[in-house]
């Protein structure tokens, strides 16, 4: 009978196998799938019994694929993703009505560059519904690989055979602040020697919280040929670009920020940027990444829209 051999296999076992193989851990796979660890282990044991060979071997706390396991993953994964796409498209309306777009991006980009573009996209697809997560690149990558998100914009090219990563755009990061502070920074930079600790004479505002903050200021200073040691201090660490902008407008410091976050302020001349040939901006490349086999129709349309608007 047609497809009779499939009666011996469980789709859930295959799905569990892919998660354990991808994450390298029964515990992490169980957490991601919302199952208990014994339930995950049982699914793996059942699949190993069905194929007649061990698929994993233990190395410490990690579950490492055997040769048989690697061969099975390589063949099985694209077929499961194709099946997932077929079922997703069958569930979604062909007219894209009530389509949910599971999407993620790094901070700053979403607040400024993406917001007006999403509004433009919704004029074309008013029925689209965004489920949008803003997080660090590593977390976004994990959510993409495990199927929680279908499209992400992050600062990393993802080296995974299931994921397509394309350069979306390049942010220009440069010191921004009140005119007198930017002018003073420019003059000091022109006179500074490579060993000078000129950066101690300025109040720097960093993006981030008390424990985690961006390295953009340090990277920009180093890109100008200066060494910055660990004594570098931020006057303020803020996890909102809107608040950082207000602090800069009040003259409370300089921030190395993406230019797209302060376009209006620079246009209105309430803030100035140090973006010159002598002091070039720091380039921060952003990638659009997605699992192509899992995209539904609205994801495809939004992906093409983002690439088109970024290119424009």
C-alpha atoms as a PDB file:
ATOM      1  CA  UNK A   1       0.000   0.000   0.000  1.00  0.00           C
ATOM      2  CA  UNK A   2       1.173   3.551  -0.764  1.00  0.00           C
ATOM      3  CA  UNK A   3       3.368   5.024   2.025  1.00  0.00           C
ATOM      4  CA  UNK A   4       2.807   1.928   4.165  1.00  0.00           C
ATOM      5  CA  UNK A   5       6.392   2.080   5.533  1.00  0.00           C
ATOM      6  CA  UNK A   6       5.658   5.457   7.159  1.00  0.00           C
ATOM      7  CA  UNK A   7       3.307   3.728   9.589  1.00  0.00           C
ATOM      8  CA  UNK A   8       6.390   2.546  11.479  1.00  0.00           C
ATOM      9  CA  UNK A   9       7.689   6.075  12.071  1.00  0.00           C
ATOM     10  CA  UNK A  10       6.533   9.012  14.176  1.00  0.00           C
ATOM     11  CA  UNK A  11       6.656  12.578  12.883  1.00  0.00           C
ATOM     12  CA  UNK A  12       7.075  13.741  16.482  1.00  0.00           C
ATOM     13  CA  UNK A  13      10.151  11.512  16.875  1.00  0.00           C
ATOM     14  CA  UNK A  14      11.679  13.061  13.759  1.00  0.00           C
ATOM     15  CA  UNK A  15      10.895  16.571  15.024  1.00  0.00           C
ATOM     16  CA  UNK A  16      12.435  15.791  18.433  1.00  0.00           C
ATOM     17  CA  UNK A  17      15.497  14.278  16.745  1.00  0.00           C
ATOM     18  CA  UNK A  18      16.087  17.481  14.739  1.00  0.00           C
ATOM     19  CA  UNK A  19      15.858  19.645  17.874  1.00  0.00           C
ATOM     20  CA  UNK A  20      18.280  17.493  19.883  1.00  0.00           C
ATOM     21  CA  UNK A  21      20.668  17.360  16.907  1.00  0.00           C
ATOM     22  CA  UNK A  22      20.494  21.129  16.455  1.00  0.00           C
ATOM     23  CA  UNK A  23      20.776  22.117  20.120  1.00  0.00           C
ATOM     24  CA  UNK A  24      23.103  19.283  21.166  1.00  0.00           C
ATOM     25  CA  UNK A  25      21.182  18.719  24.380  1.00  0.00           C
ATOM     26  CA  UNK A  26      18.120  16.732  25.472  1.00  0.00           C
ATOM     27  CA  UNK A  27      17.466  19.325  28.208  1.00  0.00           C
ATOM     28  CA  UNK A  28      17.523  22.286  25.794  1.00  0.00           C
ATOM     29  CA  UNK A  29      15.388  20.425  23.256  1.00  0.00           C
ATOM     30  CA  UNK A  30      12.852  19.569  25.971  1.00  0.00           C
ATOM     31  CA  UNK A  31      12.678  23.216  27.052  1.00  0.00           C
ATOM     32  CA  UNK A  32      12.219  24.440  23.468  1.00  0.00           C
ATOM     33  CA  UNK A  33       9.562  21.833  22.644  1.00  0.00           C
ATOM     34  CA  UNK A  34       7.698  22.164  25.948  1.00  0.00           C
ATOM     35  CA  UNK A  35       8.277  18.495  26.793  1.00  0.00           C
ATOM     36  CA  UNK A  36       9.869  16.668  29.706  1.00  0.00           C
ATOM     37  CA  UNK A  37      13.405  15.330  29.320  1.00  0.00           C
ATOM     38  CA  UNK A  38      12.234  11.683  29.714  1.00  0.00           C
ATOM     39  CA  UNK A  39       9.673  12.246  26.919  1.00  0.00           C
ATOM     40  CA  UNK A  40      12.397  13.584  24.603  1.00  0.00           C
ATOM     41  CA  UNK A  41      14.737  10.696  25.465  1.00  0.00           C
ATOM     42  CA  UNK A  42      11.941   8.193  24.769  1.00  0.00           C
ATOM     43  CA  UNK A  43      11.278   9.692  21.330  1.00  0.00           C
ATOM     44  CA  UNK A  44      14.985   9.422  20.466  1.00  0.00           C
ATOM     45  CA  UNK A  45      15.115   5.825  21.700  1.00  0.00           C
ATOM     46  CA  UNK A  46      12.064   4.934  19.594  1.00  0.00           C
ATOM     47  CA  UNK A  47      13.605   6.470  16.472  1.00  0.00           C
ATOM     48  CA  UNK A  48      16.936   4.720  17.078  1.00  0.00           C
ATOM     49  CA  UNK A  49      15.107   1.403  17.434  1.00  0.00           C
ATOM     50  CA  UNK A  50      13.199   2.057  14.197  1.00  0.00           C
ATOM     51  CA  UNK A  51      16.334   2.895  12.162  1.00  0.00           C
ATOM     52  CA  UNK A  52      18.310   0.127  13.853  1.00  0.00           C
ATOM     53  CA  UNK A  53      21.341   2.217  14.854  1.00  0.00           C
ATOM     54  CA  UNK A  54      22.450   4.754  17.475  1.00  0.00           C
ATOM     55  CA  UNK A  55      21.967   8.361  16.346  1.00  0.00           C
ATOM     56  CA  UNK A  56      23.767  10.078  19.246  1.00  0.00           C
ATOM     57  CA  UNK A  57      26.683   9.505  21.568  1.00  0.00           C
ATOM     58  CA  UNK A  58      27.229  11.280  24.884  1.00  0.00           C
ATOM     59  CA  UNK A  59      30.215  13.604  25.340  1.00  0.00           C
ATOM     60  CA  UNK A  60      29.904  15.094  28.803  1.00  0.00           C
ATOM     61  CA  UNK A  61      26.512  16.782  28.887  1.00  0.00           C
ATOM     62  CA  UNK A  62      26.286  17.128  25.116  1.00  0.00           C
ATOM     63  CA  UNK A  63      24.540  14.803  22.670  1.00  0.00           C
ATOM     64  CA  UNK A  64      26.806  14.438  19.638  1.00  0.00           C
ATOM     65  CA  UNK A  65      25.538  12.955  16.372  1.00  0.00           C
ATOM     66  CA  UNK A  66      27.002   9.683  15.196  1.00  0.00           C
ATOM     67  CA  UNK A  67      27.851   9.208  11.529  1.00  0.00           C
ATOM     68  CA  UNK A  68      24.426   7.626  11.005  1.00  0.00           C
ATOM     69  CA  UNK A  69      22.798  10.520  12.853  1.00  0.00           C
ATOM     70  CA  UNK A  70      24.563  13.141  10.711  1.00  0.00           C
ATOM     71  CA  UNK A  71      23.504  11.365   7.517  1.00  0.00           C
ATOM     72  CA  UNK A  72      19.892  11.147   8.705  1.00  0.00           C
ATOM     73  CA  UNK A  73      19.790  14.825   9.746  1.00  0.00           C
ATOM     74  CA  UNK A  74      21.219  15.939   6.410  1.00  0.00           C
ATOM     75  CA  UNK A  75      18.517  14.052   4.481  1.00  0.00           C
ATOM     76  CA  UNK A  76      15.609  14.505   6.885  1.00  0.00           C
ATOM     77  CA  UNK A  77      15.792  18.212   7.713  1.00  0.00           C
ATOM     78  CA  UNK A  78      15.050  19.665   4.237  1.00  0.00           C
ATOM     79  CA  UNK A  79      12.152  17.212   3.829  1.00  0.00           C
ATOM     80  CA  UNK A  80      10.637  18.209   7.189  1.00  0.00           C
ATOM     81  CA  UNK A  81      11.011  21.900   6.337  1.00  0.00           C
ATOM     82  CA  UNK A  82       9.286  21.312   2.991  1.00  0.00           C
ATOM     83  CA  UNK A  83       6.484  19.495   4.802  1.00  0.00           C
ATOM     84  CA  UNK A  84       6.245  22.365   7.308  1.00  0.00           C
ATOM     85  CA  UNK A  85       5.949  24.866   4.455  1.00  0.00           C
ATOM     86  CA  UNK A  86       3.248  22.801   2.722  1.00  0.00           C
ATOM     87  CA  UNK A  87       1.175  22.621   5.897  1.00  0.00           C
ATOM     88  CA  UNK A  88       1.742  26.307   6.716  1.00  0.00           C
ATOM     89  CA  UNK A  89       0.644  27.383   3.247  1.00  0.00           C
ATOM     90  CA  UNK A  90      -2.383  25.090   3.469  1.00  0.00           C
ATOM     91  CA  UNK A  91      -3.360  26.792   6.715  1.00  0.00           C
ATOM     92  CA  UNK A  92      -2.725  30.346   5.520  1.00  0.00           C
ATOM     93  CA  UNK A  93      -5.199  32.207   3.335  1.00  0.00           C
ATOM     94  CA  UNK A  94      -4.042  32.613  -0.246  1.00  0.00           C
ATOM     95  CA  UNK A  95      -5.130  36.265  -0.008  1.00  0.00           C
ATOM     96  CA  UNK A  96      -2.838  36.768   3.020  1.00  0.00           C
ATOM     97  CA  UNK A  97      -5.755  37.793   5.243  1.00  0.00           C
ATOM     98  CA  UNK A  98      -5.103  37.417   8.985  1.00  0.00           C
ATOM     99  CA  UNK A  99      -1.510  36.371   8.245  1.00  0.00           C
ATOM    100  CA  UNK A 100       0.809  36.503  11.233  1.00  0.00           C
ATOM    101  CA  UNK A 101       4.382  37.637  10.667  1.00  0.00           C
ATOM    102  CA  UNK A 102       6.737  36.251  13.317  1.00  0.00           C
ATOM    103  CA  UNK A 103       9.638  38.664  13.082  1.00  0.00           C
ATOM    104  CA  UNK A 104      12.590  39.878  15.169  1.00  0.00           C
ATOM    105  CA  UNK A 105      15.195  42.629  15.043  1.00  0.00           C
ATOM    106  CA  UNK A 106      17.973  44.193  17.062  1.00  0.00           C
ATOM    107  CA  UNK A 107      17.159  47.376  18.977  1.00  0.00           C
ATOM    108  CA  UNK A 108      17.449  50.835  17.466  1.00  0.00           C
ATOM    109  CA  UNK A 109      16.860  49.569  13.971  1.00  0.00           C
ATOM    110  CA  UNK A 110      13.285  48.638  14.822  1.00  0.00           C
ATOM    111  CA  UNK A 111      12.535  51.883  16.598  1.00  0.00           C
ATOM    112  CA  UNK A 112      13.716  54.104  13.778  1.00  0.00           C
ATOM    113  CA  UNK A 113      14.499  52.503  10.413  1.00  0.00           C
ATOM    114  CA  UNK A 114      11.871  49.753  10.456  1.00  0.00           C
ATOM    115  CA  UNK A 115       8.883  51.546  11.954  1.00  0.00           C
ATOM    116  CA  UNK A 116       8.041  53.775   8.960  1.00  0.00           C
ATOM    117  CA  UNK A 117       8.674  50.900   6.550  1.00  0.00           C
ATOM    118  CA  UNK A 118       6.348  48.596   8.438  1.00  0.00           C
ATOM    119  CA  UNK A 119       3.676  51.292   8.274  1.00  0.00           C
ATOM    120  CA  UNK A 120       4.191  51.481   4.509  1.00  0.00           C
ATOM    121  CA  UNK A 121       3.961  47.687   4.233  1.00  0.00           C
ATOM    122  CA  UNK A 122       0.693  47.690   6.169  1.00  0.00           C
ATOM    123  CA  UNK A 123      -0.772  50.062   3.602  1.00  0.00           C
ATOM    124  CA  UNK A 124      -0.199  47.321   1.039  1.00  0.00           C
ATOM    125  CA  UNK A 125      -1.155  44.435   3.347  1.00  0.00           C
ATOM    126  CA  UNK A 126      -3.530  45.943   5.955  1.00  0.00           C
ATOM    127  CA  UNK A 127      -4.540  42.488   7.218  1.00  0.00           C
ATOM    128  CA  UNK A 128      -0.976  41.498   8.148  1.00  0.00           C
ATOM    129  CA  UNK A 129      -0.314  41.036  11.864  1.00  0.00           C
ATOM    130  CA  UNK A 130       3.189  41.512  13.296  1.00  0.00           C
ATOM    131  CA  UNK A 131       4.477  39.477  16.218  1.00  0.00           C
ATOM    132  CA  UNK A 132       7.731  41.330  16.730  1.00  0.00           C
ATOM    133  CA  UNK A 133      10.573  40.542  19.133  1.00  0.00           C
ATOM    134  CA  UNK A 134      13.441  42.968  19.808  1.00  0.00           C
ATOM    135  CA  UNK A 135      16.511  41.237  21.242  1.00  0.00           C
ATOM    136  CA  UNK A 136      20.257  40.701  20.932  1.00  0.00           C
ATOM    137  CA  UNK A 137      21.581  38.940  17.818  1.00  0.00           C
ATOM    138  CA  UNK A 138      22.374  35.657  19.610  1.00  0.00           C
ATOM    139  CA  UNK A 139      18.843  35.348  21.013  1.00  0.00           C
ATOM    140  CA  UNK A 140      17.284  36.190  17.649  1.00  0.00           C
ATOM    141  CA  UNK A 141      19.414  33.533  15.956  1.00  0.00           C
ATOM    142  CA  UNK A 142      18.312  30.908  18.485  1.00  0.00           C
ATOM    143  CA  UNK A 143      14.646  31.816  17.977  1.00  0.00           C
ATOM    144  CA  UNK A 144      15.048  31.640  14.194  1.00  0.00           C
ATOM    145  CA  UNK A 145      16.786  28.248  14.195  1.00  0.00           C
ATOM    146  CA  UNK A 146      14.239  26.752  16.612  1.00  0.00           C
ATOM    147  CA  UNK A 147      11.286  28.014  14.579  1.00  0.00           C
ATOM    148  CA  UNK A 148       9.968  30.684  16.968  1.00  0.00           C
ATOM    149  CA  UNK A 149      10.711  33.423  14.427  1.00  0.00           C
ATOM    150  CA  UNK A 150      10.736  33.227  10.634  1.00  0.00           C
ATOM    151  CA  UNK A 151      12.549  36.448   9.736  1.00  0.00           C
ATOM    152  CA  UNK A 152      15.152  38.373  11.724  1.00  0.00           C
ATOM    153  CA  UNK A 153      17.423  41.378  11.253  1.00  0.00           C
ATOM    154  CA  UNK A 154      20.634  41.048  13.262  1.00  0.00           C
ATOM    155  CA  UNK A 155      24.307  42.007  13.229  1.00  0.00           C
ATOM    156  CA  UNK A 156      25.475  38.452  12.441  1.00  0.00           C
ATOM    157  CA  UNK A 157      25.594  36.347   9.303  1.00  0.00           C
ATOM    158  CA  UNK A 158      24.199  33.005  10.423  1.00  0.00           C
ATOM    159  CA  UNK A 159      26.332  30.062   9.349  1.00  0.00           C
ATOM    160  CA  UNK A 160      23.644  27.404   9.262  1.00  0.00           C
ATOM    161  CA  UNK A 161      22.684  25.325   6.233  1.00  0.00           C
ATOM    162  CA  UNK A 162      18.977  25.825   6.980  1.00  0.00           C
ATOM    163  CA  UNK A 163      19.219  29.624   7.067  1.00  0.00           C
ATOM    164  CA  UNK A 164      19.668  32.212   4.326  1.00  0.00           C
ATOM    165  CA  UNK A 165      21.502  35.372   5.468  1.00  0.00           C
ATOM    166  CA  UNK A 166      21.598  38.417   3.191  1.00  0.00           C
ATOM    167  CA  UNK A 167      23.161  41.819   3.787  1.00  0.00           C
ATOM    168  CA  UNK A 168      20.236  44.190   4.303  1.00  0.00           C
ATOM    169  CA  UNK A 169      21.968  47.507   4.963  1.00  0.00           C
ATOM    170  CA  UNK A 170      24.979  49.124   6.582  1.00  0.00           C
ATOM    171  CA  UNK A 171      24.416  51.471   9.502  1.00  0.00           C
ATOM    172  CA  UNK A 172      26.755  54.443   9.901  1.00  0.00           C
ATOM    173  CA  UNK A 173      27.821  54.869  13.542  1.00  0.00           C
ATOM    174  CA  UNK A 174      29.454  58.137  14.519  1.00  0.00           C
ATOM    175  CA  UNK A 175      29.704  60.517  17.515  1.00  0.00           C
ATOM    176  CA  UNK A 176      26.583  62.645  17.917  1.00  0.00           C
ATOM    177  CA  UNK A 177      25.922  65.518  20.318  1.00  0.00           C
ATOM    178  CA  UNK A 178      25.434  69.254  20.720  1.00  0.00           C
ATOM    179  CA  UNK A 179      27.374  71.373  18.224  1.00  0.00           C
ATOM    180  CA  UNK A 180      29.878  72.774  20.733  1.00  0.00           C
ATOM    181  CA  UNK A 181      30.735  69.300  22.047  1.00  0.00           C
ATOM    182  CA  UNK A 182      31.184  67.839  18.561  1.00  0.00           C
ATOM    183  CA  UNK A 183      33.334  70.819  17.552  1.00  0.00           C
ATOM    184  CA  UNK A 184      35.479  70.360  20.672  1.00  0.00           C
ATOM    185  CA  UNK A 185      35.836  66.628  19.982  1.00  0.00           C
ATOM    186  CA  UNK A 186      36.909  67.373  16.410  1.00  0.00           C
ATOM    187  CA  UNK A 187      39.556  69.888  17.520  1.00  0.00           C
ATOM    188  CA  UNK A 188      40.994  67.578  20.172  1.00  0.00           C
ATOM    189  CA  UNK A 189      41.138  64.694  17.700  1.00  0.00           C
ATOM    190  CA  UNK A 190      43.050  66.828  15.205  1.00  0.00           C
ATOM    191  CA  UNK A 191      45.709  67.656  17.818  1.00  0.00           C
ATOM    192  CA  UNK A 192      45.766  64.358  19.720  1.00  0.00           C
ATOM    193  CA  UNK A 193      48.672  61.945  19.598  1.00  0.00           C
ATOM    194  CA  UNK A 194      47.954  58.240  19.310  1.00  0.00           C
ATOM    195  CA  UNK A 195      48.863  57.736  22.978  1.00  0.00           C
ATOM    196  CA  UNK A 196      46.659  60.582  24.297  1.00  0.00           C
ATOM    197  CA  UNK A 197      43.715  59.695  26.518  1.00  0.00           C
ATOM    198  CA  UNK A 198      41.566  62.457  24.992  1.00  0.00           C
ATOM    199  CA  UNK A 199      38.415  60.398  25.485  1.00  0.00           C
ATOM    200  CA  UNK A 200      38.576  61.031  29.253  1.00  0.00           C
ATOM    201  CA  UNK A 201      37.669  64.690  28.657  1.00  0.00           C
ATOM    202  CA  UNK A 202      34.188  63.854  27.341  1.00  0.00           C
ATOM    203  CA  UNK A 203      30.991  62.507  28.801  1.00  0.00           C
ATOM    204  CA  UNK A 204      30.015  59.475  26.742  1.00  0.00           C
ATOM    205  CA  UNK A 205      26.517  57.995  26.663  1.00  0.00           C
ATOM    206  CA  UNK A 206      26.373  54.256  25.937  1.00  0.00           C
ATOM    207  CA  UNK A 207      23.441  52.196  24.750  1.00  0.00           C
ATOM    208  CA  UNK A 208      22.665  49.418  27.244  1.00  0.00           C
ATOM    209  CA  UNK A 209      21.845  48.638  30.855  1.00  0.00           C
ATOM    210  CA  UNK A 210      24.019  48.355  33.957  1.00  0.00           C
ATOM    211  CA  UNK A 211      25.522  44.999  32.909  1.00  0.00           C
ATOM    212  CA  UNK A 212      25.453  44.960  29.109  1.00  0.00           C
ATOM    213  CA  UNK A 213      26.238  47.894  26.860  1.00  0.00           C
ATOM    214  CA  UNK A 214      27.355  48.526  23.316  1.00  0.00           C
ATOM    215  CA  UNK A 215      31.055  48.710  22.397  1.00  0.00           C
ATOM    216  CA  UNK A 216      30.400  51.225  19.634  1.00  0.00           C
ATOM    217  CA  UNK A 217      32.180  54.160  21.302  1.00  0.00           C
ATOM    218  CA  UNK A 218      35.297  52.111  21.998  1.00  0.00           C
ATOM    219  CA  UNK A 219      35.243  50.655  18.491  1.00  0.00           C
ATOM    220  CA  UNK A 220      34.873  54.099  16.910  1.00  0.00           C
ATOM    221  CA  UNK A 221      37.767  55.570  18.924  1.00  0.00           C
ATOM    222  CA  UNK A 222      39.941  52.580  18.051  1.00  0.00           C
ATOM    223  CA  UNK A 223      38.973  52.911  14.378  1.00  0.00           C
ATOM    224  CA  UNK A 224      40.548  56.394  14.483  1.00  0.00           C
ATOM    225  CA  UNK A 225      43.851  54.800  15.549  1.00  0.00           C
ATOM    226  CA  UNK A 226      43.699  55.318  19.323  1.00  0.00           C
ATOM    227  CA  UNK A 227      44.048  52.685  22.029  1.00  0.00           C
ATOM    228  CA  UNK A 228      41.305  52.624  24.680  1.00  0.00           C
ATOM    229  CA  UNK A 229      42.009  50.750  27.914  1.00  0.00           C
ATOM    230  CA  UNK A 230      39.601  49.298  30.422  1.00  0.00           C
ATOM    231  CA  UNK A 231      39.353  52.514  32.401  1.00  0.00           C
ATOM    232  CA  UNK A 232      36.962  53.901  29.794  1.00  0.00           C
ATOM    233  CA  UNK A 233      33.733  54.979  31.506  1.00  0.00           C
ATOM    234  CA  UNK A 234      30.265  55.922  30.274  1.00  0.00           C
ATOM    235  CA  UNK A 235      28.591  58.833  32.032  1.00  0.00           C
ATOM    236  CA  UNK A 236      25.223  57.250  31.286  1.00  0.00           C
ATOM    237  CA  UNK A 237      24.080  53.837  30.101  1.00  0.00           C
ATOM    238  CA  UNK A 238      20.590  53.970  28.646  1.00  0.00           C
ATOM    239  CA  UNK A 239      18.580  51.204  26.992  1.00  0.00           C
ATOM    240  CA  UNK A 240      16.436  53.537  24.882  1.00  0.00           C
ATOM    241  CA  UNK A 241      17.645  55.535  21.903  1.00  0.00           C
ATOM    242  CA  UNK A 242      14.834  58.034  22.491  1.00  0.00           C
ATOM    243  CA  UNK A 243      16.185  58.784  25.987  1.00  0.00           C
ATOM    244  CA  UNK A 244      19.769  58.953  24.690  1.00  0.00           C
ATOM    245  CA  UNK A 245      18.643  61.516  22.107  1.00  0.00           C
ATOM    246  CA  UNK A 246      17.025  63.680  24.785  1.00  0.00           C
ATOM    247  CA  UNK A 247      20.168  63.533  26.955  1.00  0.00           C
ATOM    248  CA  UNK A 248      22.311  64.604  24.016  1.00  0.00           C
ATOM    249  CA  UNK A 249      19.918  67.454  23.156  1.00  0.00           C
ATOM    250  CA  UNK A 250      20.227  68.593  26.790  1.00  0.00           C
ATOM    251  CA  UNK A 251      24.018  68.707  26.423  1.00  0.00           C
ATOM    252  CA  UNK A 252      24.635  65.826  28.851  1.00  0.00           C
ATOM    253  CA  UNK A 253      27.026  63.896  26.664  1.00  0.00           C
ATOM    254  CA  UNK A 254      28.042  62.440  23.308  1.00  0.00           C
ATOM    255  CA  UNK A 255      26.912  59.076  21.982  1.00  0.00           C
ATOM    256  CA  UNK A 256      28.299  56.997  19.124  1.00  0.00           C
ATOM    257  CA  UNK A 257      24.950  56.219  17.564  1.00  0.00           C
ATOM    258  CA  UNK A 258      23.500  54.950  14.267  1.00  0.00           C
ATOM    259  CA  UNK A 259      22.833  58.002  12.121  1.00  0.00           C
ATOM    260  CA  UNK A 260      19.351  56.786  11.225  1.00  0.00           C
ATOM    261  CA  UNK A 261      18.304  57.175  14.888  1.00  0.00           C
ATOM    262  CA  UNK A 262      18.971  60.933  14.860  1.00  0.00           C
ATOM    263  CA  UNK A 263      18.094  61.946  11.287  1.00  0.00           C
ATOM    264  CA  UNK A 264      15.377  64.396  12.338  1.00  0.00           C
ATOM    265  CA  UNK A 265      17.541  66.029  15.028  1.00  0.00           C
ATOM    266  CA  UNK A 266      20.442  66.495  12.608  1.00  0.00           C
ATOM    267  CA  UNK A 267      18.081  67.929   9.992  1.00  0.00           C
ATOM    268  CA  UNK A 268      16.685  70.335  12.590  1.00  0.00           C
ATOM    269  CA  UNK A 269      20.269  71.095  13.797  1.00  0.00           C
ATOM    270  CA  UNK A 270      19.450  70.326  17.411  1.00  0.00           C
ATOM    271  CA  UNK A 271      22.221  67.695  17.198  1.00  0.00           C
ATOM    272  CA  UNK A 272      25.358  67.357  15.074  1.00  0.00           C
ATOM    273  CA  UNK A 273      27.314  64.312  13.902  1.00  0.00           C
ATOM    274  CA  UNK A 274      31.055  63.933  13.438  1.00  0.00           C
ATOM    275  CA  UNK A 275      30.868  62.344   9.982  1.00  0.00           C
ATOM    276  CA  UNK A 276      33.761  63.608   7.868  1.00  0.00           C
ATOM    277  CA  UNK A 277      36.447  62.287   5.543  1.00  0.00           C
ATOM    278  CA  UNK A 278      39.058  62.735   8.288  1.00  0.00           C
ATOM    279  CA  UNK A 279      36.884  60.992  10.888  1.00  0.00           C
ATOM    280  CA  UNK A 280      34.839  58.401   8.991  1.00  0.00           C
ATOM    281  CA  UNK A 281      31.878  56.593  10.555  1.00  0.00           C
ATOM    282  CA  UNK A 282      32.006  53.056  11.873  1.00  0.00           C
ATOM    283  CA  UNK A 283      30.075  50.669   9.630  1.00  0.00           C
ATOM    284  CA  UNK A 284      27.709  48.216  11.318  1.00  0.00           C
ATOM    285  CA  UNK A 285      26.460  45.634   8.827  1.00  0.00           C
ATOM    286  CA  UNK A 286      22.955  44.263   9.350  1.00  0.00           C
ATOM    287  CA  UNK A 287      21.727  40.948   7.946  1.00  0.00           C
ATOM    288  CA  UNK A 288      18.264  39.754   7.017  1.00  0.00           C
ATOM    289  CA  UNK A 289      18.095  36.035   7.858  1.00  0.00           C
ATOM    290  CA  UNK A 290      15.320  33.516   7.338  1.00  0.00           C
ATOM    291  CA  UNK A 291      14.554  29.819   6.943  1.00  0.00           C
ATOM    292  CA  UNK A 292      13.339  29.841   3.362  1.00  0.00           C
ATOM    293  CA  UNK A 293      11.554  26.496   3.587  1.00  0.00           C
ATOM    294  CA  UNK A 294       9.405  27.816   6.456  1.00  0.00           C
ATOM    295  CA  UNK A 295       8.291  31.148   4.989  1.00  0.00           C
ATOM    296  CA  UNK A 296       4.598  31.563   4.317  1.00  0.00           C
ATOM    297  CA  UNK A 297       3.202  33.987   1.755  1.00  0.00           C
ATOM    298  CA  UNK A 298       3.173  37.088   3.963  1.00  0.00           C
ATOM    299  CA  UNK A 299       6.733  36.414   5.143  1.00  0.00           C
ATOM    300  CA  UNK A 300       7.871  36.132   1.520  1.00  0.00           C
ATOM    301  CA  UNK A 301       6.203  39.415   0.660  1.00  0.00           C
ATOM    302  CA  UNK A 302       7.640  41.233   3.683  1.00  0.00           C
ATOM    303  CA  UNK A 303      11.130  39.838   3.012  1.00  0.00           C
ATOM    304  CA  UNK A 304      11.033  41.116  -0.586  1.00  0.00           C
ATOM    305  CA  UNK A 305       9.655  44.461   0.620  1.00  0.00           C
ATOM    306  CA  UNK A 306      12.507  44.920   3.132  1.00  0.00           C
ATOM    307  CA  UNK A 307      15.195  44.064   0.585  1.00  0.00           C
ATOM    308  CA  UNK A 308      13.666  46.426  -1.956  1.00  0.00           C
ATOM    309  CA  UNK A 309      13.340  49.377   0.435  1.00  0.00           C
ATOM    310  CA  UNK A 310      16.833  48.837   1.874  1.00  0.00           C
ATOM    311  CA  UNK A 311      18.313  48.817  -1.619  1.00  0.00           C
ATOM    312  CA  UNK A 312      16.407  51.994  -2.485  1.00  0.00           C
END
